[in-house]
């Protein structure tokens, strides 16, 4: 079942305002549990985690910046 434009827009705002900051805090906390790796390894970890969250949510964000197709 496809989500309507309005639902996807609201869901994307919820993800960006609530879920993404929680994900960032969780990622920093998780990396902080271990001994600090070298700078480049730590940078690669954060870049990887920064990209990974977007792939499952691609369908939610697709077309949100466009005009409402139903209007």
N, C-alpha and C. Protein backbone atom coordinates (compact mmCIF):
# COMPACT_ATOMS: atom_id res chain seq x y z
N UNK A 1 0.84 -1.17 0.00
CA UNK A 1 0.00 0.00 0.00
C UNK A 1 0.89 1.24 0.00
N UNK A 2 0.68 2.11 -0.94
CA UNK A 2 1.48 3.33 -1.06
C UNK A 2 0.96 4.40 -0.11
N UNK A 3 1.88 5.15 0.45
CA UNK A 3 1.51 6.23 1.34
C UNK A 3 1.13 7.46 0.52
N UNK A 4 0.17 8.22 1.02
CA UNK A 4 -0.21 9.44 0.32
C UNK A 4 0.89 10.49 0.50
N UNK A 5 0.83 11.51 -0.33
CA UNK A 5 1.84 12.57 -0.28
C UNK A 5 1.84 13.24 1.09
N UNK A 6 0.66 13.54 1.60
CA UNK A 6 0.54 14.22 2.90
C UNK A 6 1.12 13.36 4.02
N UNK A 7 0.86 12.06 3.98
CA UNK A 7 1.38 11.14 5.00
C UNK A 7 2.90 11.05 4.91
N UNK A 8 3.42 10.95 3.69
CA UNK A 8 4.88 10.89 3.52
C UNK A 8 5.54 12.17 4.00
N UNK A 9 4.91 13.31 3.76
CA UNK A 9 5.48 14.59 4.19
C UNK A 9 5.51 14.67 5.72
N UNK A 10 4.45 14.26 6.37
CA UNK A 10 4.41 14.28 7.83
C UNK A 10 5.40 13.27 8.43
N UNK A 11 5.47 12.11 7.82
CA UNK A 11 6.39 11.08 8.29
C UNK A 11 7.84 11.52 8.11
N UNK A 12 8.15 12.18 7.00
CA UNK A 12 9.51 12.65 6.78
C UNK A 12 9.89 13.73 7.79
N UNK A 13 8.96 14.61 8.13
CA UNK A 13 9.24 15.62 9.17
C UNK A 13 9.48 14.96 10.52
N UNK A 14 8.68 13.97 10.86
CA UNK A 14 8.86 13.26 12.11
C UNK A 14 10.23 12.57 12.15
N UNK A 15 10.60 11.95 11.05
CA UNK A 15 11.90 11.28 10.98
C UNK A 15 13.04 12.28 11.15
N UNK A 16 12.97 13.41 10.44
CA UNK A 16 14.06 14.38 10.50
C UNK A 16 14.14 15.13 11.82
N UNK A 17 13.00 15.36 12.46
CA UNK A 17 13.00 16.15 13.70
C UNK A 17 13.22 15.29 14.94
N UNK A 18 12.70 14.07 14.94
CA UNK A 18 12.77 13.22 16.14
C UNK A 18 13.75 12.06 15.97
N UNK A 19 13.55 11.26 14.94
CA UNK A 19 14.30 10.01 14.81
C UNK A 19 15.76 10.23 14.45
N UNK A 20 16.06 11.16 13.56
CA UNK A 20 17.44 11.38 13.15
C UNK A 20 18.32 11.86 14.30
N UNK A 21 17.89 12.84 15.10
CA UNK A 21 18.73 13.20 16.25
C UNK A 21 18.94 12.05 17.24
N UNK A 22 17.91 11.22 17.45
CA UNK A 22 18.07 10.05 18.31
C UNK A 22 19.06 9.07 17.72
N UNK A 23 19.04 8.89 16.41
CA UNK A 23 19.99 8.02 15.72
C UNK A 23 21.41 8.55 15.87
N UNK A 24 21.58 9.85 15.76
CA UNK A 24 22.92 10.46 15.91
C UNK A 24 23.45 10.23 17.32
N UNK A 25 22.61 10.45 18.32
CA UNK A 25 23.03 10.24 19.70
C UNK A 25 23.38 8.77 19.93
N UNK A 26 22.59 7.87 19.37
CA UNK A 26 22.87 6.44 19.53
C UNK A 26 24.18 6.06 18.84
N UNK A 27 24.44 6.62 17.65
CA UNK A 27 25.67 6.30 16.93
C UNK A 27 26.90 6.80 17.68
N UNK A 28 26.83 8.02 18.20
CA UNK A 28 27.96 8.58 18.96
C UNK A 28 28.18 7.79 20.24
N UNK A 29 27.11 7.41 20.91
CA UNK A 29 27.22 6.63 22.14
C UNK A 29 27.81 5.25 21.85
N UNK A 30 27.36 4.62 20.77
CA UNK A 30 27.86 3.30 20.42
C UNK A 30 29.35 3.35 20.08
N UNK A 31 29.78 4.32 19.33
CA UNK A 31 31.20 4.45 18.99
C UNK A 31 32.00 4.80 20.25
N UNK A 32 31.42 5.56 21.15
CA UNK A 32 32.10 5.95 22.38
C UNK A 32 32.28 4.82 23.37
N UNK A 33 31.54 3.74 23.22
CA UNK A 33 31.68 2.61 24.13
C UNK A 33 33.01 1.89 23.96
N UNK A 34 33.59 1.98 22.79
CA UNK A 34 34.84 1.31 22.50
C UNK A 34 36.00 2.30 22.61
N UNK A 35 37.20 1.77 22.66
CA UNK A 35 38.37 2.63 22.67
C UNK A 35 38.38 3.45 21.38
N UNK A 36 38.70 4.71 21.50
CA UNK A 36 38.62 5.60 20.34
C UNK A 36 39.56 5.14 19.23
N UNK A 37 39.00 4.89 18.03
CA UNK A 37 39.84 4.44 16.92
C UNK A 37 40.62 5.61 16.33
N UNK A 38 41.55 5.33 15.43
CA UNK A 38 42.25 6.42 14.74
C UNK A 38 41.26 7.32 14.01
N UNK A 39 41.69 8.55 13.75
CA UNK A 39 40.80 9.57 13.20
C UNK A 39 40.12 9.13 11.90
N UNK A 40 40.89 8.58 10.97
CA UNK A 40 40.31 8.20 9.67
C UNK A 40 39.31 7.06 9.81
N UNK A 41 39.58 6.13 10.70
CA UNK A 41 38.63 5.03 10.93
C UNK A 41 37.35 5.57 11.55
N UNK A 42 37.49 6.46 12.51
CA UNK A 42 36.32 7.06 13.14
C UNK A 42 35.52 7.87 12.12
N UNK A 43 36.20 8.59 11.26
CA UNK A 43 35.53 9.36 10.21
C UNK A 43 34.76 8.43 9.27
N UNK A 44 35.37 7.32 8.88
CA UNK A 44 34.68 6.36 8.01
C UNK A 44 33.46 5.75 8.70
N UNK A 45 33.56 5.49 9.98
CA UNK A 45 32.42 4.95 10.73
C UNK A 45 31.26 5.94 10.70
N UNK A 46 31.55 7.21 10.99
CA UNK A 46 30.49 8.22 11.03
C UNK A 46 29.91 8.49 9.64
N UNK A 47 30.75 8.49 8.62
CA UNK A 47 30.25 8.69 7.26
C UNK A 47 29.37 7.50 6.86
N UNK A 48 29.81 6.29 7.18
CA UNK A 48 29.01 5.10 6.89
C UNK A 48 27.67 5.13 7.59
N UNK A 49 27.69 5.45 8.88
CA UNK A 49 26.43 5.52 9.63
C UNK A 49 25.56 6.67 9.14
N UNK A 50 26.18 7.73 8.65
CA UNK A 50 25.42 8.86 8.12
C UNK A 50 24.73 8.56 6.81
N UNK A 51 25.26 7.62 6.06
CA UNK A 51 24.66 7.26 4.78
C UNK A 51 23.67 6.10 4.94
N UNK A 52 23.97 5.17 5.82
CA UNK A 52 23.15 3.96 5.98
C UNK A 52 21.70 4.26 6.37
N UNK A 53 21.46 5.29 7.18
CA UNK A 53 20.10 5.55 7.64
C UNK A 53 19.18 5.95 6.50
N UNK A 54 19.73 6.52 5.44
CA UNK A 54 18.89 7.05 4.37
C UNK A 54 18.35 5.98 3.43
N UNK A 55 19.07 4.87 3.25
CA UNK A 55 18.63 3.86 2.29
C UNK A 55 17.27 3.25 2.61
N UNK A 56 16.99 2.84 3.83
CA UNK A 56 15.65 2.27 4.08
C UNK A 56 14.54 3.31 4.00
N UNK A 57 14.87 4.58 4.15
CA UNK A 57 13.85 5.63 4.17
C UNK A 57 13.74 6.37 2.84
N UNK A 58 14.40 5.87 1.81
CA UNK A 58 14.41 6.53 0.51
C UNK A 58 12.99 6.72 -0.03
N UNK A 59 12.14 5.72 0.12
CA UNK A 59 10.78 5.80 -0.41
C UNK A 59 9.96 6.88 0.29
N UNK A 60 10.24 7.12 1.56
CA UNK A 60 9.49 8.14 2.31
C UNK A 60 9.87 9.53 1.82
N UNK A 61 11.16 9.76 1.57
CA UNK A 61 11.63 11.09 1.21
C UNK A 61 11.51 11.41 -0.29
N UNK A 62 11.28 10.42 -1.10
CA UNK A 62 11.25 10.61 -2.55
C UNK A 62 10.08 11.51 -2.96
N UNK A 63 10.37 12.62 -3.60
CA UNK A 63 9.34 13.52 -4.12
C UNK A 63 8.74 14.48 -3.12
N UNK A 64 9.24 14.53 -1.91
CA UNK A 64 8.67 15.40 -0.88
C UNK A 64 8.88 16.88 -1.21
N UNK A 65 9.97 17.21 -1.85
CA UNK A 65 10.25 18.61 -2.19
C UNK A 65 9.46 19.13 -3.36
N UNK A 66 8.74 18.27 -4.03
CA UNK A 66 7.94 18.67 -5.20
C UNK A 66 6.55 19.13 -4.75
N UNK A 67 5.83 19.71 -5.68
CA UNK A 67 4.46 20.13 -5.40
C UNK A 67 3.58 18.89 -5.19
N UNK A 68 2.50 19.07 -4.47
CA UNK A 68 1.58 17.96 -4.20
C UNK A 68 0.98 17.46 -5.52
N UNK A 69 1.22 16.19 -5.86
CA UNK A 69 0.70 15.68 -7.14
C UNK A 69 -0.82 15.53 -7.17
N UNK A 70 -1.46 15.51 -6.01
CA UNK A 70 -2.92 15.34 -5.95
C UNK A 70 -3.67 16.64 -6.15
N UNK A 71 -2.98 17.77 -6.05
CA UNK A 71 -3.69 19.06 -6.17
C UNK A 71 -3.70 19.57 -7.59
